[in-house]
PDB file of N, CA and C in Angstrom:
ATOM      1  N   MET A   1      82.778  -5.842  86.253  1.00  0.00           N
ATOM      2  CA  MET A   1      82.369  -4.496  86.599  1.00  0.00           C
ATOM      3  C   MET A   1      80.949  -4.246  86.091  1.00  0.00           C
ATOM      4  N   LYS A   2      80.118  -3.642  86.932  1.00  0.00           N
ATOM      5  CA  LYS A   2      78.750  -3.313  86.563  1.00  0.00           C
ATOM      6  C   LYS A   2      78.743  -2.109  85.622  1.00  0.00           C
ATOM      7  N   PRO A   3      77.690  -2.004  84.816  1.00  0.00           N
ATOM      8  CA  PRO A   3      77.557  -0.795  83.997  1.00  0.00           C
ATOM      9  C   PRO A   3      77.235   0.402  84.886  1.00  0.00           C
ATOM     10  N   ALA A   4      77.353   1.591  84.328  1.00  0.00           N
ATOM     11  CA  ALA A   4      77.034   2.810  85.066  1.00  0.00           C
ATOM     12  C   ALA A   4      75.591   2.742  85.563  1.00  0.00           C
ATOM     13  N   TYR A   5      75.335   3.398  86.701  1.00  0.00           N
ATOM     14  CA  TYR A   5      73.977   3.391  87.245  1.00  0.00           C
ATOM     15  C   TYR A   5      73.705   4.672  88.010  1.00  0.00           C
ATOM     16  N   LEU A   6      72.432   4.993  88.170  1.00  0.00           N
ATOM     17  CA  LEU A   6      71.967   6.210  88.818  1.00  0.00           C
ATOM     18  C   LEU A   6      71.447   5.897  90.210  1.00  0.00           C
ATOM     19  N   ASN A   7      71.842   6.709  91.185  1.00  0.00           N
ATOM     20  CA  ASN A   7      71.364   6.595  92.560  1.00  0.00           C
ATOM     21  C   ASN A   7      70.709   7.933  92.903  1.00  0.00           C
ATOM     22  N   VAL A   8      69.441   7.904  93.329  1.00  0.00           N
ATOM     23  CA  VAL A   8      68.702   9.130  93.620  1.00  0.00           C
ATOM     24  C   VAL A   8      68.279   9.136  95.085  1.00  0.00           C
ATOM     25  N   THR A   9      68.461  10.268  95.754  1.00  0.00           N
ATOM     26  CA  THR A   9      68.000  10.464  97.128  1.00  0.00           C
ATOM     27  C   THR A   9      66.773  11.366  97.074  1.00  0.00           C
ATOM     28  N   PHE A  10      65.701  10.935  97.741  1.00  0.00           N
ATOM     29  CA  PHE A  10      64.453  11.697  97.756  1.00  0.00           C
ATOM     30  C   PHE A  10      64.226  12.321  99.129  1.00  0.00           C
ATOM     31  N   ARG A  11      63.630  13.504  99.132  1.00  0.00           N
ATOM     32  CA  ARG A  11      63.161  14.159 100.356  1.00  0.00           C
ATOM     33  C   ARG A  11      61.767  14.675 100.071  1.00  0.00           C
ATOM     34  N   GLY A  12      60.857  14.333 100.935  1.00  0.00           N
ATOM     35  CA  GLY A  12      59.478  14.772 100.726  1.00  0.00           C
ATOM     36  C   GLY A  12      58.900  14.262  99.415  1.00  0.00           C
ATOM     37  N   GLY A  13      59.361  13.115  98.970  1.00  0.00           N
ATOM     38  CA  GLY A  13      58.854  12.525  97.740  1.00  0.00           C
ATOM     39  C   GLY A  13      59.406  13.124  96.463  1.00  0.00           C
ATOM     40  N   LYS A  14      60.373  14.048  96.594  1.00  0.00           N
ATOM     41  CA  LYS A  14      60.951  14.688  95.414  1.00  0.00           C
ATOM     42  C   LYS A  14      62.454  14.440  95.374  1.00  0.00           C
ATOM     43  N   PRO A  15      63.032  14.327  94.171  1.00  0.00           N
ATOM     44  CA  PRO A  15      64.482  14.123  94.067  1.00  0.00           C
ATOM     45  C   PRO A  15      65.230  15.281  94.720  1.00  0.00           C
ATOM     46  N   PHE A  16      66.137  14.945  95.608  1.00  0.00           N
ATOM     47  CA  PHE A  16      66.912  15.947  96.336  1.00  0.00           C
ATOM     48  C   PHE A  16      68.363  15.979  95.840  1.00  0.00           C
ATOM     49  N   ALA A  17      68.909  14.825  95.571  1.00  0.00           N
ATOM     50  CA  ALA A  17      70.287  14.698  95.087  1.00  0.00           C
ATOM     51  C   ALA A  17      70.376  13.419  94.268  1.00  0.00           C
ATOM     52  N   ALA A  18      71.338  13.382  93.374  1.00  0.00           N
ATOM     53  CA  ALA A  18      71.527  12.173  92.570  1.00  0.00           C
ATOM     54  C   ALA A  18      73.001  12.031  92.225  1.00  0.00           C
ATOM     55  N   TYR A  19      73.390  10.789  91.946  1.00  0.00           N
ATOM     56  CA  TYR A  19      74.769  10.499  91.570  1.00  0.00           C
ATOM     57  C   TYR A  19      74.746   9.438  90.487  1.00  0.00           C
ATOM     58  N   TYR A  20      75.424   9.725  89.386  1.00  0.00           N
ATOM     59  CA  TYR A  20      75.526   8.770  88.292  1.00  0.00           C
ATOM     60  C   TYR A  20      76.894   8.110  88.395  1.00  0.00           C
ATOM     61  N   TYR A  21      76.901   6.877  88.899  1.00  0.00           N
ATOM     62  CA  TYR A  21      78.148   6.135  89.097  1.00  0.00           C
ATOM     63  C   TYR A  21      78.660   5.639  87.749  1.00  0.00           C
ATOM     64  N   LEU A  22      79.893   5.969  87.440  1.00  0.00           N
ATOM     65  CA  LEU A  22      80.507   5.538  86.183  1.00  0.00           C
ATOM     66  C   LEU A  22      81.299   4.257  86.362  1.00  0.00           C
ATOM     67  N   THR A  23      81.700   3.961  87.580  1.00  0.00           N
ATOM     68  CA  THR A  23      82.480   2.760  87.879  1.00  0.00           C
ATOM     69  C   THR A  23      82.094   2.248  89.255  1.00  0.00           C
ATOM     70  N   ASP A  24      82.325   0.989  89.490  1.00  0.00           N
ATOM     71  CA  ASP A  24      82.079   0.426  90.817  1.00  0.00           C
ATOM     72  C   ASP A  24      83.310  -0.317  91.318  1.00  0.00           C
ATOM     73  N   LYS A  25      84.470   0.127  90.866  1.00  0.00           N
ATOM     74  CA  LYS A  25      85.705  -0.530  91.286  1.00  0.00           C
ATOM     75  C   LYS A  25      85.893  -0.366  92.788  1.00  0.00           C
ATOM     76  N   PRO A  26      86.133  -1.459  93.494  1.00  0.00           N
ATOM     77  CA  PRO A  26      86.333  -1.367  94.945  1.00  0.00           C
ATOM     78  C   PRO A  26      87.529  -0.474  95.289  1.00  0.00           C
ATOM     79  N   GLY A  27      87.358   0.305  96.324  1.00  0.00           N
ATOM     80  CA  GLY A  27      88.447   1.130  96.818  1.00  0.00           C
ATOM     81  C   GLY A  27      88.643   2.447  96.092  1.00  0.00           C
ATOM     82  N   GLN A  28      87.873   2.713  95.036  1.00  0.00           N
ATOM     83  CA  GLN A  28      88.016   3.979  94.317  1.00  0.00           C
ATOM     84  C   GLN A  28      87.470   5.106  95.173  1.00  0.00           C
ATOM     85  N   ARG A  29      88.232   6.168  95.274  1.00  0.00           N
ATOM     86  CA  ARG A  29      87.810   7.340  96.039  1.00  0.00           C
ATOM     87  C   ARG A  29      87.999   8.579  95.198  1.00  0.00           C
ATOM     88  N   SER A  30      87.158   9.546  95.442  1.00  0.00           N
ATOM     89  CA  SER A  30      87.274  10.806  94.726  1.00  0.00           C
ATOM     90  C   SER A  30      88.494  11.568  95.221  1.00  0.00           C
ATOM     91  N   TYR A  31      89.317  11.983  94.285  1.00  0.00           N
ATOM     92  CA  TYR A  31      90.522  12.747  94.600  1.00  0.00           C
ATOM     93  C   TYR A  31      90.319  14.227  94.296  1.00  0.00           C
ATOM     94  N   ARG A  32      89.571  14.486  93.214  1.00  0.00           N
ATOM     95  CA  ARG A  32      89.261  15.875  92.873  1.00  0.00           C
ATOM     96  C   ARG A  32      87.924  15.916  92.154  1.00  0.00           C
ATOM     97  N   SER A  33      87.330  17.094  92.117  1.00  0.00           N
ATOM     98  CA  SER A  33      86.046  17.302  91.456  1.00  0.00           C
ATOM     99  C   SER A  33      86.148  18.499  90.537  1.00  0.00           C
ATOM    100  N   ARG A  34      85.300  18.487  89.490  1.00  0.00           N
ATOM    101  CA  ARG A  34      85.291  19.589  88.526  1.00  0.00           C
ATOM    102  C   ARG A  34      83.849  19.873  88.136  1.00  0.00           C
ATOM    103  N   LYS A  35      83.461  21.148  88.238  1.00  0.00           N
ATOM    104  CA  LYS A  35      82.131  21.536  87.771  1.00  0.00           C
ATOM    105  C   LYS A  35      82.135  21.402  86.252  1.00  0.00           C
ATOM    106  N   ALA A  36      81.238  20.582  85.734  1.00  0.00           N
ATOM    107  CA  ALA A  36      81.214  20.305  84.303  1.00  0.00           C
ATOM    108  C   ALA A  36      80.133  21.095  83.574  1.00  0.00           C
ATOM    109  N   ALA A  37      79.079  21.430  84.286  1.00  0.00           N
ATOM    110  CA  ALA A  37      77.945  22.165  83.731  1.00  0.00           C
ATOM    111  C   ALA A  37      77.085  22.595  84.911  1.00  0.00           C
ATOM    112  N   PRO A  38      76.159  23.525  84.708  1.00  0.00           N
ATOM    113  CA  PRO A  38      75.284  23.893  85.826  1.00  0.00           C
ATOM    114  C   PRO A  38      74.576  22.654  86.382  1.00  0.00           C
ATOM    115  N   GLY A  39      74.745  22.419  87.676  1.00  0.00           N
ATOM    116  CA  GLY A  39      74.107  21.289  88.343  1.00  0.00           C
ATOM    117  C   GLY A  39      74.814  19.958  88.179  1.00  0.00           C
ATOM    118  N   LEU A  40      75.995  19.945  87.548  1.00  0.00           N
ATOM    119  CA  LEU A  40      76.733  18.705  87.312  1.00  0.00           C
ATOM    120  C   LEU A  40      78.201  18.861  87.702  1.00  0.00           C
ATOM    121  N   VAL A  41      78.674  17.938  88.555  1.00  0.00           N
ATOM    122  CA  VAL A  41      80.060  17.941  89.025  1.00  0.00           C
ATOM    123  C   VAL A  41      80.636  16.546  88.792  1.00  0.00           C
ATOM    124  N   VAL A  42      81.793  16.473  88.125  1.00  0.00           N
ATOM    125  CA  VAL A  42      82.430  15.182  87.867  1.00  0.00           C
ATOM    126  C   VAL A  42      83.481  14.931  88.938  1.00  0.00           C
ATOM    127  N   ASP A  43      83.443  13.741  89.522  1.00  0.00           N
ATOM    128  CA  ASP A  43      84.449  13.313  90.497  1.00  0.00           C
ATOM    129  C   ASP A  43      85.464  12.420  89.794  1.00  0.00           C
ATOM    130  N   TYR A  44      86.753  12.628  90.124  1.00  0.00           N
ATOM    131  CA  TYR A  44      87.841  11.879  89.505  1.00  0.00           C
ATOM    132  C   TYR A  44      88.669  11.153  90.559  1.00  0.00           C
ATOM    133  N   ALA A  45      89.195   9.994  90.170  1.00  0.00           N
ATOM    134  CA  ALA A  45      90.144   9.257  91.005  1.00  0.00           C
ATOM    135  C   ALA A  45      91.506   9.933  90.897  1.00  0.00           C
ATOM    136  N   ARG A  46      92.426   9.527  91.733  1.00  0.00           N
ATOM    137  CA  ARG A  46      93.788  10.070  91.715  1.00  0.00           C
ATOM    138  C   ARG A  46      94.448   9.902  90.342  1.00  0.00           C
ATOM    139  N   ASN A  47      94.125   8.788  89.652  1.00  0.00           N
ATOM    140  CA  ASN A  47      94.732   8.524  88.352  1.00  0.00           C
ATOM    141  C   ASN A  47      94.046   9.271  87.204  1.00  0.00           C
ATOM    142  N   GLY A  48      93.043  10.100  87.513  1.00  0.00           N
ATOM    143  CA  GLY A  48      92.357  10.894  86.505  1.00  0.00           C
ATOM    144  C   GLY A  48      91.121  10.240  85.912  1.00  0.00           C
ATOM    145  N   GLU A  49      90.832   9.006  86.311  1.00  0.00           N
ATOM    146  CA  GLU A  49      89.664   8.302  85.796  1.00  0.00           C
ATOM    147  C   GLU A  49      88.391   8.922  86.387  1.00  0.00           C
ATOM    148  N   PRO A  50      87.398   9.236  85.551  1.00  0.00           N
ATOM    149  CA  PRO A  50      86.148   9.763  86.098  1.00  0.00           C
ATOM    150  C   PRO A  50      85.390   8.666  86.847  1.00  0.00           C
ATOM    151  N   LEU A  51      84.962   8.981  88.066  1.00  0.00           N
ATOM    152  CA  LEU A  51      84.260   8.014  88.916  1.00  0.00           C
ATOM    153  C   LEU A  51      82.751   8.161  88.835  1.00  0.00           C
ATOM    154  N   GLY A  52      82.280   9.390  88.735  1.00  0.00           N
ATOM    155  CA  GLY A  52      80.848   9.609  88.726  1.00  0.00           C
ATOM    156  C   GLY A  52      80.510  11.063  88.508  1.00  0.00           C
ATOM    157  N   ILE A  53      79.228  11.297  88.332  1.00  0.00           N
ATOM    158  CA  ILE A  53      78.727  12.652  88.115  1.00  0.00           C
ATOM    159  C   ILE A  53      77.730  12.975  89.218  1.00  0.00           C
ATOM    160  N   GLU A  54      78.059  13.984  90.014  1.00  0.00           N
ATOM    161  CA  GLU A  54      77.124  14.475  91.023  1.00  0.00           C
ATOM    162  C   GLU A  54      76.087  15.327  90.302  1.00  0.00           C
ATOM    163  N   ILE A  55      74.828  15.032  90.557  1.00  0.00           N
ATOM    164  CA  ILE A  55      73.740  15.807  89.968  1.00  0.00           C
ATOM    165  C   ILE A  55      73.156  16.637  91.104  1.00  0.00           C
ATOM    166  N   THR A  56      73.610  17.886  91.199  1.00  0.00           N
ATOM    167  CA  THR A  56      73.260  18.724  92.343  1.00  0.00           C
ATOM    168  C   THR A  56      71.896  19.388  92.198  1.00  0.00           C
ATOM    169  N   SER A  57      71.349  19.337  91.010  1.00  0.00           N
ATOM    170  CA  SER A  57      70.026  19.907  90.762  1.00  0.00           C
ATOM    171  C   SER A  57      69.189  18.893  89.976  1.00  0.00           C
ATOM    172  N   PRO A  58      68.831  17.776  90.614  1.00  0.00           N
ATOM    173  CA  PRO A  58      68.218  16.668  89.874  1.00  0.00           C
ATOM    174  C   PRO A  58      66.874  16.985  89.224  1.00  0.00           C
ATOM    175  N   ARG A  59      66.143  17.941  89.734  1.00  0.00           N
ATOM    176  CA  ARG A  59      64.829  18.230  89.166  1.00  0.00           C
ATOM    177  C   ARG A  59      64.919  19.117  87.937  1.00  0.00           C
ATOM    178  N   THR A  60      66.089  19.734  87.706  1.00  0.00           N
ATOM    179  CA  THR A  60      66.202  20.644  86.568  1.00  0.00           C
ATOM    180  C   THR A  60      67.246  20.223  85.532  1.00  0.00           C
ATOM    181  N   VAL A  61      68.097  19.287  85.874  1.00  0.00           N
ATOM    182  CA  VAL A  61      69.129  18.867  84.929  1.00  0.00           C
ATOM    183  C   VAL A  61      68.481  18.171  83.732  1.00  0.00           C
ATOM    184  N   THR A  62      69.096  18.337  82.568  1.00  0.00           N
ATOM    185  CA  THR A  62      68.523  17.747  81.356  1.00  0.00           C
ATOM    186  C   THR A  62      69.357  16.569  80.861  1.00  0.00           C
ATOM    187  N   LEU A  63      68.712  15.735  80.085  1.00  0.00           N
ATOM    188  CA  LEU A  63      69.394  14.624  79.439  1.00  0.00           C
ATOM    189  C   LEU A  63      70.517  15.154  78.547  1.00  0.00           C
ATOM    190  N   ALA A  64      70.248  16.213  77.821  1.00  0.00           N
ATOM    191  CA  ALA A  64      71.254  16.788  76.928  1.00  0.00           C
ATOM    192  C   ALA A  64      72.493  17.238  77.709  1.00  0.00           C
ATOM    193  N   ALA A  65      72.296  17.862  78.866  1.00  0.00           N
ATOM    194  CA  ALA A  65      73.428  18.338  79.668  1.00  0.00           C
ATOM    195  C   ALA A  65      74.287  17.166  80.153  1.00  0.00           C
ATOM    196  N   ILE A  66      73.642  16.125  80.640  1.00  0.00           N
ATOM    197  CA  ILE A  66      74.388  14.956  81.120  1.00  0.00           C
ATOM    198  C   ILE A  66      75.123  14.297  79.955  1.00  0.00           C
ATOM    199  N   ASN A  67      74.460  14.171  78.825  1.00  0.00           N
ATOM    200  CA  ASN A  67      75.112  13.539  77.681  1.00  0.00           C
ATOM    201  C   ASN A  67      76.269  14.374  77.131  1.00  0.00           C
ATOM    202  N   ARG A  68      76.200  15.701  77.236  1.00  0.00           N
ATOM    203  CA  ARG A  68      77.347  16.539  76.829  1.00  0.00           C
ATOM    204  C   ARG A  68      78.562  16.215  77.692  1.00  0.00           C
ATOM    205  N   VAL A  69      78.333  16.069  78.995  1.00  0.00           N
ATOM    206  CA  VAL A  69      79.436  15.740  79.912  1.00  0.00           C
ATOM    207  C   VAL A  69      79.980  14.348  79.594  1.00  0.00           C
ATOM    208  N   LEU A  70      79.092  13.386  79.400  1.00  0.00           N
ATOM    209  CA  LEU A  70      79.543  12.028  79.079  1.00  0.00           C
ATOM    210  C   LEU A  70      80.327  12.006  77.769  1.00  0.00           C
ATOM    211  N   LYS A  71      79.892  12.779  76.803  1.00  0.00           N
ATOM    212  CA  LYS A  71      80.606  12.854  75.519  1.00  0.00           C
ATOM    213  C   LYS A  71      82.010  13.419  75.719  1.00  0.00           C
ATOM    214  N   GLU A  72      82.116  14.488  76.523  1.00  0.00           N
ATOM    215  CA  GLU A  72      83.431  15.064  76.849  1.00  0.00           C
ATOM    216  C   GLU A  72      84.346  14.025  77.493  1.00  0.00           C
ATOM    217  N   LEU A  73      83.769  13.163  78.325  1.00  0.00           N
ATOM    218  CA  LEU A  73      84.531  12.127  79.022  1.00  0.00           C
ATOM    219  C   LEU A  73      84.767  10.890  78.146  1.00  0.00           C
ATOM    220  N   GLU A  74      84.217  10.931  76.932  1.00  0.00           N
ATOM    221  CA  GLU A  74      84.316   9.812  75.990  1.00  0.00           C
ATOM    222  C   GLU A  74      83.714   8.534  76.573  1.00  0.00           C
ATOM    223  N   LEU A  75      82.524   8.699  77.163  1.00  0.00           N
ATOM    224  CA  LEU A  75      81.788   7.593  77.764  1.00  0.00           C
ATOM    225  C   LEU A  75      80.454   7.416  77.055  1.00  0.00           C
ATOM    226  N   PRO A  76      79.839   6.245  77.175  1.00  0.00           N
ATOM    227  CA  PRO A  76      78.542   6.014  76.527  1.00  0.00           C
ATOM    228  C   PRO A  76      77.483   6.996  77.031  1.00  0.00           C
ATOM    229  N   LEU A  77      76.643   7.435  76.113  1.00  0.00           N
ATOM    230  CA  LEU A  77      75.557   8.338  76.458  1.00  0.00           C
ATOM    231  C   LEU A  77      74.426   7.550  77.130  1.00  0.00           C
ATOM    232  N   ILE A  78      73.581   8.278  77.852  1.00  0.00           N
ATOM    233  CA  ILE A  78      72.459   7.619  78.527  1.00  0.00           C
ATOM    234  C   ILE A  78      71.162   7.948  77.804  1.00  0.00           C
ATOM    235  N   THR A  79      70.126   7.215  78.159  1.00  0.00           N
ATOM    236  CA  THR A  79      68.819   7.414  77.534  1.00  0.00           C
ATOM    237  C   THR A  79      67.867   8.105  78.507  1.00  0.00           C
ATOM    238  N   ARG A  80      66.800   8.615  77.957  1.00  0.00           N
ATOM    239  CA  ARG A  80      65.780   9.274  78.788  1.00  0.00           C
ATOM    240  C   ARG A  80      65.244   8.329  79.858  1.00  0.00           C
ATOM    241  N   SER A  81      65.091   7.057  79.514  1.00  0.00           N
ATOM    242  CA  SER A  81      64.545   6.103  80.490  1.00  0.00           C
ATOM    243  C   SER A  81      65.476   5.926  81.686  1.00  0.00           C
ATOM    244  N   GLU A  82      66.779   6.090  81.484  1.00  0.00           N
ATOM    245  CA  GLU A  82      67.717   5.976  82.608  1.00  0.00           C
ATOM    246  C   GLU A  82      67.572   7.134  83.587  1.00  0.00           C
ATOM    247  N   LEU A  83      67.052   8.260  83.126  1.00  0.00           N
ATOM    248  CA  LEU A  83      66.839   9.411  84.005  1.00  0.00           C
ATOM    249  C   LEU A  83      65.423   9.463  84.578  1.00  0.00           C
ATOM    250  N   ARG A  84      64.606   8.510  84.242  1.00  0.00           N
ATOM    251  CA  ARG A  84      63.207   8.505  84.696  1.00  0.00           C
ATOM    252  C   ARG A  84      63.055   8.696  86.204  1.00  0.00           C
ATOM    253  N   PRO A  85      63.917   8.111  87.041  1.00  0.00           N
ATOM    254  CA  PRO A  85      63.763   8.323  88.494  1.00  0.00           C
ATOM    255  C   PRO A  85      63.835   9.791  88.907  1.00  0.00           C
ATOM    256  N   LEU A  86      64.492  10.639  88.136  1.00  0.00           N
ATOM    257  CA  LEU A  86      64.572  12.059  88.475  1.00  0.00           C
ATOM    258  C   LEU A  86      63.243  12.751  88.214  1.00  0.00           C
ATOM    259  N   ARG A  87      62.438  12.190  87.372  1.00  0.00           N
ATOM    260  CA  ARG A  87      61.155  12.795  87.007  1.00  0.00           C
ATOM    261  C   ARG A  87      59.966  12.109  87.663  1.00  0.00           C
ATOM    262  N   ALA A  88      60.189  10.946  88.229  1.00  0.00           N
ATOM    263  CA  ALA A  88      59.104  10.097  88.739  1.00  0.00           C
ATOM    264  C   ALA A  88      58.206  10.820  89.751  1.00  0.00           C
ATOM    265  N   ALA A  89      58.806  11.513  90.689  1.00  0.00           N
ATOM    266  CA  ALA A  89      57.998  12.164  91.734  1.00  0.00           C
ATOM    267  C   ALA A  89      58.014  13.674  91.577  1.00  0.00           C
ATOM    268  N   GLY A  90      58.709  14.158  90.533  1.00  0.00           N
ATOM    269  CA  GLY A  90      58.885  15.595  90.332  1.00  0.00           C
ATOM    270  C   GLY A  90      57.611  16.310  90.131  1.00  0.00           C
TER     271      GLY A  90
END
């Protein structure tokens, strides 16, 4: 299994949407979602495992906010460099 990774969609050279994948298990599908913080939505599998974090406001979300959610999920925290793509064209 690959480590968690960030996928960013750009429009007009600016981050429009982003998704922080927590798992890459084949066949995993989102069963339910929960708003975790402003601009952050966690997707869960049917078995309750967190699949990823939707970043609905990529230009304004903070490292601290994402790490609070990851801490709640008991997952490894991320670094500022991992969020660099959200700031690259901002």
